[in-house]
C-alpha cells in the first residue's frame, strides 16, 4: 500500500453465485469521461469473474442512449460529427466478456437506423419497455441507468 492509499474495511462483503441483471440505459450519465452505465457493467463483470458466478447480463440501450450501438459512419451521421463512435471499443469489450447488448427497436425506428448501422453483435429487440418487462418477469434485476 502506498502512502497515498487509505485502508478500507468492507463491512458487508457480497459474493453471488448467480447474477441475472438487465441494464435499462435511456441516457448517458458520466463518471468522468466514461458513461456510468458502462463503468457499472465493467464493475459487475469484474465481480462476476472474481466470484466465478453463473451470469446473464443484458444491456438495453434506448431513447437518448441508442447511438452507443452505432458503427462509426452511422454514429457520425446521427451525431453530425466526424470522430466515430467513442464507445465502440467499450461496447465490444463488454460483449467479449459476455454482456448481451441490445438496441430498442422503437428507438431504431424513430432514428431510421437499420441493422446495417449497428456495431457487430448488437441485437435489436421489439422495444425497451417490453424487453425489460420480459426479463424482469424471468427473474432479472432491473438496473436503471
N, C-alpha and C. Protein backbone atom coordinates (compact mmCIF):
# COMPACT_ATOMS: atom_id res chain seq x y z
N UNK A 1 0.86 -1.17 0.00
CA UNK A 1 0.00 0.00 0.00
C UNK A 1 0.90 1.23 0.00
N UNK A 2 0.62 2.17 -0.91
CA UNK A 2 1.40 3.39 -0.97
C UNK A 2 0.95 4.35 0.13
N UNK A 3 1.75 5.38 0.37
CA UNK A 3 1.43 6.36 1.40
C UNK A 3 0.12 7.09 1.11
N UNK A 4 -0.25 7.18 -0.18
CA UNK A 4 -1.48 7.89 -0.53
C UNK A 4 -2.73 7.02 -0.42
N UNK A 5 -2.56 5.71 -0.40
CA UNK A 5 -3.72 4.82 -0.32
C UNK A 5 -4.23 4.75 1.12
N UNK A 6 -5.53 4.79 1.26
CA UNK A 6 -6.14 4.64 2.57
C UNK A 6 -6.69 3.23 2.67
N UNK A 7 -6.69 2.69 3.86
CA UNK A 7 -7.24 1.35 4.05
C UNK A 7 -8.76 1.43 4.03
N UNK A 8 -9.36 0.37 3.56
CA UNK A 8 -10.82 0.31 3.50
C UNK A 8 -11.25 -1.06 3.99
N UNK A 9 -12.08 -1.09 5.01
CA UNK A 9 -12.64 -2.33 5.53
C UNK A 9 -14.03 -2.50 4.95
N UNK A 10 -14.29 -3.63 4.31
CA UNK A 10 -15.62 -3.94 3.77
C UNK A 10 -16.45 -4.56 4.88
N UNK A 11 -17.50 -3.86 5.27
CA UNK A 11 -18.37 -4.33 6.35
C UNK A 11 -19.40 -5.34 5.88
N UNK A 12 -19.81 -5.23 4.62
CA UNK A 12 -20.83 -6.12 4.08
C UNK A 12 -20.29 -6.75 2.80
N UNK A 13 -19.50 -7.79 2.92
CA UNK A 13 -18.99 -8.43 1.70
C UNK A 13 -20.11 -9.16 0.96
N UNK A 14 -20.09 -9.03 -0.35
CA UNK A 14 -21.11 -9.66 -1.19
C UNK A 14 -20.42 -10.62 -2.14
N UNK A 15 -20.95 -11.82 -2.21
CA UNK A 15 -20.48 -12.81 -3.17
C UNK A 15 -21.72 -13.57 -3.65
N UNK A 16 -21.99 -13.48 -4.94
CA UNK A 16 -23.16 -14.13 -5.50
C UNK A 16 -22.73 -15.31 -6.36
N UNK A 17 -23.57 -16.33 -6.41
CA UNK A 17 -23.27 -17.49 -7.26
C UNK A 17 -24.01 -17.41 -8.60
N UNK A 18 -25.06 -16.59 -8.65
CA UNK A 18 -25.87 -16.46 -9.86
C UNK A 18 -26.31 -15.00 -10.00
N UNK A 19 -26.03 -14.40 -11.14
CA UNK A 19 -26.35 -13.00 -11.38
C UNK A 19 -27.19 -12.89 -12.65
N UNK A 20 -28.38 -12.29 -12.52
CA UNK A 20 -29.25 -12.02 -13.67
C UNK A 20 -29.64 -10.56 -13.60
N UNK A 21 -29.04 -9.72 -14.48
CA UNK A 21 -29.27 -8.28 -14.45
C UNK A 21 -29.60 -7.78 -15.83
N UNK A 22 -30.50 -6.80 -15.89
CA UNK A 22 -30.75 -6.07 -17.12
C UNK A 22 -30.54 -4.59 -16.83
N UNK A 23 -29.67 -3.97 -17.60
CA UNK A 23 -29.43 -2.54 -17.51
C UNK A 23 -30.32 -1.85 -18.53
N UNK A 24 -31.17 -0.96 -18.07
CA UNK A 24 -32.02 -0.15 -18.95
C UNK A 24 -31.35 1.21 -19.07
N UNK A 25 -30.79 1.49 -20.26
CA UNK A 25 -29.96 2.68 -20.44
C UNK A 25 -30.62 3.61 -21.44
N UNK A 26 -31.29 4.63 -20.94
CA UNK A 26 -32.02 5.57 -21.78
C UNK A 26 -31.31 6.89 -21.99
N UNK A 27 -30.27 7.13 -21.23
CA UNK A 27 -29.45 8.34 -21.40
C UNK A 27 -28.09 8.06 -20.79
N UNK A 28 -27.11 8.84 -21.19
CA UNK A 28 -25.77 8.65 -20.66
C UNK A 28 -25.49 9.65 -19.55
N UNK A 29 -25.08 9.12 -18.42
CA UNK A 29 -24.54 9.93 -17.33
C UNK A 29 -23.10 9.50 -17.19
N UNK A 30 -22.24 10.38 -16.74
CA UNK A 30 -20.81 10.11 -16.82
C UNK A 30 -20.12 10.07 -15.46
N UNK A 31 -19.14 9.17 -15.37
CA UNK A 31 -18.15 9.12 -14.31
C UNK A 31 -16.88 9.62 -14.98
N UNK A 32 -16.58 10.90 -14.87
CA UNK A 32 -15.50 11.49 -15.66
C UNK A 32 -15.94 11.48 -17.11
N UNK A 33 -15.15 10.84 -17.98
CA UNK A 33 -15.49 10.74 -19.40
C UNK A 33 -16.11 9.40 -19.76
N UNK A 34 -16.30 8.52 -18.79
CA UNK A 34 -16.83 7.18 -19.03
C UNK A 34 -18.31 7.15 -18.67
N UNK A 35 -19.17 6.67 -19.60
CA UNK A 35 -20.58 6.53 -19.23
C UNK A 35 -20.74 5.65 -18.00
N UNK A 36 -21.49 6.13 -17.02
CA UNK A 36 -21.65 5.40 -15.75
C UNK A 36 -22.19 4.00 -15.98
N UNK A 37 -23.11 3.83 -16.93
CA UNK A 37 -23.68 2.50 -17.19
C UNK A 37 -22.59 1.53 -17.63
N UNK A 38 -21.67 1.98 -18.47
CA UNK A 38 -20.58 1.11 -18.92
C UNK A 38 -19.64 0.82 -17.76
N UNK A 39 -19.32 1.84 -16.96
CA UNK A 39 -18.50 1.65 -15.77
C UNK A 39 -19.13 0.61 -14.84
N UNK A 40 -20.44 0.71 -14.62
CA UNK A 40 -21.12 -0.23 -13.73
C UNK A 40 -21.16 -1.64 -14.30
N UNK A 41 -21.32 -1.76 -15.62
CA UNK A 41 -21.28 -3.09 -16.22
C UNK A 41 -19.88 -3.70 -16.12
N UNK A 42 -18.84 -2.87 -16.30
CA UNK A 42 -17.47 -3.36 -16.12
C UNK A 42 -17.27 -3.83 -14.68
N UNK A 43 -17.76 -3.07 -13.73
CA UNK A 43 -17.63 -3.40 -12.31
C UNK A 43 -18.30 -4.74 -11.99
N UNK A 44 -19.55 -4.93 -12.43
CA UNK A 44 -20.24 -6.18 -12.13
C UNK A 44 -19.61 -7.35 -12.87
N UNK A 45 -19.12 -7.13 -14.08
CA UNK A 45 -18.43 -8.21 -14.79
C UNK A 45 -17.14 -8.60 -14.06
N UNK A 46 -16.44 -7.63 -13.47
CA UNK A 46 -15.26 -7.96 -12.65
C UNK A 46 -15.66 -8.77 -11.43
N UNK A 47 -16.75 -8.36 -10.77
CA UNK A 47 -17.24 -9.11 -9.61
C UNK A 47 -17.62 -10.54 -10.01
N UNK A 48 -18.35 -10.67 -11.09
CA UNK A 48 -18.79 -11.99 -11.56
C UNK A 48 -17.57 -12.89 -11.81
N UNK A 49 -16.55 -12.34 -12.44
CA UNK A 49 -15.33 -13.11 -12.69
C UNK A 49 -14.66 -13.51 -11.37
N UNK A 50 -14.57 -12.58 -10.43
CA UNK A 50 -13.96 -12.88 -9.12
C UNK A 50 -14.74 -13.94 -8.37
N UNK A 51 -16.06 -13.91 -8.47
CA UNK A 51 -16.92 -14.85 -7.77
C UNK A 51 -17.03 -16.20 -8.49
N UNK A 52 -16.59 -16.25 -9.73
CA UNK A 52 -16.80 -17.44 -10.57
C UNK A 52 -18.30 -17.77 -10.63
N UNK A 53 -19.10 -16.73 -10.77
CA UNK A 53 -20.55 -16.86 -10.74
C UNK A 53 -21.11 -17.17 -12.13
N UNK A 54 -22.25 -17.83 -12.12
CA UNK A 54 -23.04 -18.00 -13.33
C UNK A 54 -23.74 -16.66 -13.56
N UNK A 55 -23.80 -16.21 -14.82
CA UNK A 55 -24.40 -14.88 -15.02
C UNK A 55 -25.07 -14.73 -16.37
N UNK A 56 -26.04 -13.83 -16.38
CA UNK A 56 -26.67 -13.31 -17.58
C UNK A 56 -26.82 -11.82 -17.35
N UNK A 57 -26.11 -11.03 -18.14
CA UNK A 57 -26.19 -9.58 -18.04
C UNK A 57 -26.61 -9.06 -19.41
N UNK A 58 -27.66 -8.25 -19.42
CA UNK A 58 -28.20 -7.68 -20.66
C UNK A 58 -28.18 -6.16 -20.52
N UNK A 59 -27.71 -5.49 -21.56
CA UNK A 59 -27.74 -4.02 -21.63
C UNK A 59 -28.70 -3.63 -22.74
N UNK A 60 -29.75 -2.89 -22.39
CA UNK A 60 -30.72 -2.41 -23.37
C UNK A 60 -30.54 -0.91 -23.53
N UNK A 61 -29.98 -0.50 -24.66
CA UNK A 61 -29.81 0.92 -24.96
C UNK A 61 -31.06 1.41 -25.68
N UNK A 62 -31.56 2.55 -25.26
CA UNK A 62 -32.78 3.09 -25.86
C UNK A 62 -32.81 4.61 -25.70
N UNK A 63 -33.81 5.22 -26.27
CA UNK A 63 -34.10 6.65 -26.17
C UNK A 63 -32.86 7.47 -26.52
N UNK A 64 -32.34 8.24 -25.57
CA UNK A 64 -31.21 9.13 -25.85
C UNK A 64 -29.84 8.47 -25.71
N UNK A 65 -29.81 7.16 -25.58
CA UNK A 65 -28.53 6.44 -25.49
C UNK A 65 -28.37 5.41 -26.61
N UNK A 66 -29.34 5.32 -27.50
CA UNK A 66 -29.27 4.32 -28.57
C UNK A 66 -28.06 4.45 -29.46
N UNK A 67 -27.57 5.67 -29.64
CA UNK A 67 -26.43 5.91 -30.52
C UNK A 67 -25.16 5.17 -30.11
N UNK A 68 -25.08 4.73 -28.87
CA UNK A 68 -23.93 3.96 -28.40
C UNK A 68 -23.73 2.69 -29.22
N UNK A 69 -24.79 2.17 -29.80
CA UNK A 69 -24.75 0.89 -30.52
C UNK A 69 -24.39 1.04 -32.00
N UNK A 70 -24.17 2.27 -32.47
CA UNK A 70 -23.94 2.51 -33.90
C UNK A 70 -22.47 2.36 -34.29
N UNK A 71 -22.24 1.88 -35.54
CA UNK A 71 -20.87 1.86 -36.06
C UNK A 71 -20.46 3.29 -36.40
N UNK A 72 -19.19 3.50 -36.69
CA UNK A 72 -18.64 4.85 -36.85
C UNK A 72 -19.39 5.72 -37.86
N UNK A 73 -19.63 5.21 -39.05
CA UNK A 73 -20.27 6.04 -40.09
C UNK A 73 -21.69 6.44 -39.67
N UNK A 74 -22.44 5.50 -39.13
CA UNK A 74 -23.80 5.80 -38.69
C UNK A 74 -23.78 6.75 -37.49
N UNK A 75 -22.83 6.55 -36.59
CA UNK A 75 -22.68 7.43 -35.44
C UNK A 75 -22.39 8.85 -35.91
N UNK A 76 -21.45 8.98 -36.83
CA UNK A 76 -21.09 10.31 -37.35
C UNK A 76 -22.31 10.99 -37.98
N UNK A 77 -23.06 10.26 -38.79
CA UNK A 77 -24.24 10.83 -39.44
C UNK A 77 -25.29 11.24 -38.41
N UNK A 78 -25.52 10.39 -37.41
CA UNK A 78 -26.54 10.68 -36.40
C UNK A 78 -26.14 11.84 -35.51
N UNK A 79 -24.87 11.91 -35.14
CA UNK A 79 -24.40 12.92 -34.18
C UNK A 79 -23.85 14.16 -34.88
N UNK A 80 -23.80 14.12 -36.22
CA UNK A 80 -23.30 15.24 -37.02
C UNK A 80 -21.86 15.61 -36.63
N UNK A 81 -21.02 14.57 -36.55
CA UNK A 81 -19.60 14.75 -36.23
C UNK A 81 -18.78 13.85 -37.13
N UNK A 82 -17.46 13.86 -36.97
CA UNK A 82 -16.59 13.03 -37.80
C UNK A 82 -15.59 12.23 -36.97
N UNK A 83 -15.85 12.05 -35.70
CA UNK A 83 -14.91 11.38 -34.81
C UNK A 83 -15.11 9.87 -34.70
N UNK A 84 -16.25 9.37 -35.15
CA UNK A 84 -16.58 7.96 -34.95
C UNK A 84 -17.16 7.74 -33.57
N UNK A 85 -17.63 6.54 -33.34
CA UNK A 85 -18.27 6.18 -32.08
C UNK A 85 -17.21 5.99 -30.99
N UNK A 86 -17.15 6.89 -30.01
CA UNK A 86 -16.13 6.76 -28.97
C UNK A 86 -16.39 5.59 -28.01
N UNK A 87 -17.56 4.97 -28.09
CA UNK A 87 -17.93 3.89 -27.18
C UNK A 87 -17.74 2.51 -27.79
N UNK A 88 -17.38 2.43 -29.08
CA UNK A 88 -17.36 1.16 -29.80
C UNK A 88 -16.45 0.13 -29.13
N UNK A 89 -15.25 0.53 -28.69
CA UNK A 89 -14.34 -0.43 -28.07
C UNK A 89 -14.84 -0.88 -26.70
N UNK A 90 -15.45 0.04 -25.95
CA UNK A 90 -16.02 -0.31 -24.65
C UNK A 90 -17.16 -1.31 -24.81
N UNK A 91 -18.01 -1.08 -25.80
CA UNK A 91 -19.13 -1.99 -26.07
C UNK A 91 -18.59 -3.35 -26.53
N UNK A 92 -17.61 -3.35 -27.41
CA UNK A 92 -17.03 -4.60 -27.89
C UNK A 92 -16.42 -5.41 -26.74
N UNK A 93 -15.78 -4.73 -25.81
CA UNK A 93 -15.18 -5.42 -24.66
C UNK A 93 -16.26 -6.02 -23.76
N UNK A 94 -17.35 -5.29 -23.54
CA UNK A 94 -18.44 -5.83 -22.73
C UNK A 94 -19.03 -7.08 -23.39
N UNK A 95 -19.22 -7.02 -24.71
CA UNK A 95 -19.76 -8.18 -25.44
C UNK A 95 -18.79 -9.35 -25.32
N UNK A 96 -17.51 -9.08 -25.45
CA UNK A 96 -16.49 -10.13 -25.32
C UNK A 96 -16.54 -10.78 -23.94
N UNK A 97 -16.89 -10.00 -22.93
CA UNK A 97 -16.96 -10.51 -21.55
C UNK A 97 -18.30 -11.18 -21.26
N UNK A 98 -19.21 -11.19 -22.23
CA UNK A 98 -20.46 -11.93 -22.06
C UNK A 98 -21.71 -11.10 -21.88
N UNK A 99 -21.61 -9.78 -21.92
CA UNK A 99 -22.81 -8.93 -21.81
C UNK A 99 -23.55 -8.98 -23.14
N UNK A 100 -24.85 -9.21 -23.09
CA UNK A 100 -25.70 -9.16 -24.28
C UNK A 100 -26.16 -7.73 -24.47
N UNK A 101 -25.71 -7.09 -25.54
CA UNK A 101 -26.04 -5.68 -25.79
C UNK A 101 -27.14 -5.61 -26.83
N UNK A 102 -28.19 -4.87 -26.48
CA UNK A 102 -29.37 -4.76 -27.34
C UNK A 102 -29.73 -3.30 -27.58
N UNK A 103 -30.37 -3.07 -28.72
CA UNK A 103 -30.92 -1.76 -29.05
C UNK A 103 -32.43 -1.87 -29.12
N UNK A 104 -33.10 -0.90 -28.57
CA UNK A 104 -34.56 -0.80 -28.62
C UNK A 104 -35.01 -0.60 -30.06
N UNK A 105 -35.89 -1.47 -30.54
CA UNK A 105 -36.40 -1.35 -31.90
C UNK A 105 -37.17 -0.06 -32.13
N UNK A 106 -37.89 0.42 -31.11
CA UNK A 106 -38.63 1.67 -31.26
C UNK A 106 -37.67 2.86 -31.41
N UNK A 107 -36.57 2.82 -30.69
CA UNK A 107 -35.56 3.88 -30.82
C UNK A 107 -34.95 3.83 -32.21
N UNK A 108 -34.62 2.63 -32.68
CA UNK A 108 -34.04 2.48 -34.02
C UNK A 108 -35.00 3.03 -35.08
N UNK A 109 -36.29 2.68 -34.97
CA UNK A 109 -37.27 3.19 -35.94
C UNK A 109 -37.38 4.70 -35.89
N UNK A 110 -37.37 5.28 -34.70
CA UNK A 110 -37.50 6.73 -34.55
C UNK A 110 -36.33 7.46 -35.20
N UNK A 111 -35.16 6.82 -35.23
CA UNK A 111 -33.95 7.44 -35.81
C UNK A 111 -33.67 6.96 -37.23
N UNK A 112 -34.51 6.04 -37.72
CA UNK A 112 -34.32 5.46 -39.05
C UNK A 112 -32.98 4.71 -39.16
N UNK A 113 -32.63 3.96 -38.10
CA UNK A 113 -31.45 3.12 -38.11
C UNK A 113 -31.86 1.72 -38.53
N UNK A 114 -31.02 1.10 -39.34
CA UNK A 114 -31.22 -0.30 -39.71
C UNK A 114 -30.14 -1.16 -39.08
N UNK A 115 -30.31 -2.46 -39.20
CA UNK A 115 -29.32 -3.39 -38.64
C UNK A 115 -27.92 -3.12 -39.18
N UNK A 116 -27.86 -2.65 -40.44
CA UNK A 116 -26.56 -2.37 -41.06
C UNK A 116 -25.85 -1.18 -40.43
N UNK A 117 -26.53 -0.42 -39.58
CA UNK A 117 -25.93 0.74 -38.90
C UNK A 117 -25.29 0.37 -37.56
N UNK A 118 -25.45 -0.87 -37.15
CA UNK A 118 -25.06 -1.26 -35.79
C UNK A 118 -23.66 -1.87 -35.72
N UNK A 119 -23.08 -1.76 -34.54
CA UNK A 119 -21.82 -2.45 -34.25
C UNK A 119 -22.05 -3.95 -34.32
N UNK A 120 -20.99 -4.73 -34.51
CA UNK A 120 -21.15 -6.19 -34.54
C UNK A 120 -21.76 -6.73 -33.24
N UNK A 121 -22.56 -7.74 -33.37
CA UNK A 121 -23.15 -8.49 -32.25
C UNK A 121 -24.20 -7.73 -31.45
N UNK A 122 -24.69 -6.60 -31.96
CA UNK A 122 -25.80 -5.88 -31.30
C UNK A 122 -27.09 -6.50 -31.79
N UNK A 123 -27.95 -6.85 -30.86
CA UNK A 123 -29.27 -7.40 -31.19
C UNK A 123 -30.31 -6.30 -31.04
N UNK A 124 -31.38 -6.36 -31.83
CA UNK A 124 -32.48 -5.40 -31.75
C UNK A 124 -33.69 -6.11 -31.16
N UNK A 125 -34.27 -5.50 -30.13
CA UNK A 125 -35.48 -6.06 -29.54
C UNK A 125 -36.70 -5.26 -30.00
N UNK A 126 -37.89 -5.74 -29.69
CA UNK A 126 -39.13 -5.08 -30.09
C UNK A 126 -39.15 -3.63 -29.60
N UNK A 127 -38.99 -3.47 -28.31
CA UNK A 127 -38.82 -2.15 -27.70
C UNK A 127 -38.31 -2.35 -26.28
N UNK A 128 -37.67 -1.33 -25.74
CA UNK A 128 -37.01 -1.43 -24.44
C UNK A 128 -37.98 -1.78 -23.31
N UNK A 129 -39.17 -1.19 -23.34
CA UNK A 129 -40.11 -1.43 -22.24
C UNK A 129 -40.58 -2.88 -22.23
N UNK A 130 -40.91 -3.41 -23.40
CA UNK A 130 -41.34 -4.81 -23.48
C UNK A 130 -40.21 -5.74 -23.07
N UNK A 131 -39.00 -5.46 -23.55
CA UNK A 131 -37.86 -6.34 -23.26
C UNK A 131 -37.50 -6.33 -21.79
N UNK A 132 -37.43 -5.15 -21.16
CA UNK A 132 -37.08 -5.14 -19.75
C UNK A 132 -38.18 -5.79 -18.91
N UNK A 133 -39.43 -5.60 -19.30
CA UNK A 133 -40.52 -6.28 -18.60
C UNK A 133 -40.37 -7.79 -18.71
N UNK A 134 -40.08 -8.27 -19.92
CA UNK A 134 -39.88 -9.70 -20.12
C UNK A 134 -38.77 -10.24 -19.22
N UNK A 135 -37.65 -9.54 -19.19
CA UNK A 135 -36.51 -10.03 -18.40
C UNK A 135 -36.79 -9.96 -16.90
N UNK A 136 -37.45 -8.91 -16.43
CA UNK A 136 -37.82 -8.83 -15.02
C UNK A 136 -38.74 -9.99 -14.65
N UNK A 137 -39.70 -10.31 -15.53
CA UNK A 137 -40.60 -11.43 -15.27
C UNK A 137 -39.85 -12.76 -15.27
N UNK A 138 -38.68 -12.81 -15.91
CA UNK A 138 -37.84 -14.02 -15.90
C UNK A 138 -36.87 -14.03 -14.72
N UNK A 139 -36.97 -13.04 -13.83
CA UNK A 139 -36.14 -13.03 -12.63
C UNK A 139 -34.90 -12.14 -12.69
N UNK A 140 -34.76 -11.35 -13.74
CA UNK A 140 -33.63 -10.42 -13.83
C UNK A 140 -33.88 -9.23 -12.91
N UNK A 141 -32.83 -8.70 -12.33
CA UNK A 141 -32.89 -7.46 -11.57
C UNK A 141 -32.69 -6.33 -12.56
N UNK A 142 -33.60 -5.34 -12.53
CA UNK A 142 -33.51 -4.22 -13.46
C UNK A 142 -32.69 -3.10 -12.82
N UNK A 143 -31.66 -2.68 -13.54
CA UNK A 143 -30.83 -1.54 -13.14
C UNK A 143 -31.15 -0.43 -14.12
N UNK A 144 -31.58 0.71 -13.63
CA UNK A 144 -31.89 1.83 -14.50
C UNK A 144 -30.73 2.81 -14.46
N UNK A 145 -30.17 3.05 -15.62
CA UNK A 145 -29.02 3.95 -15.73
C UNK A 145 -29.40 5.16 -16.54
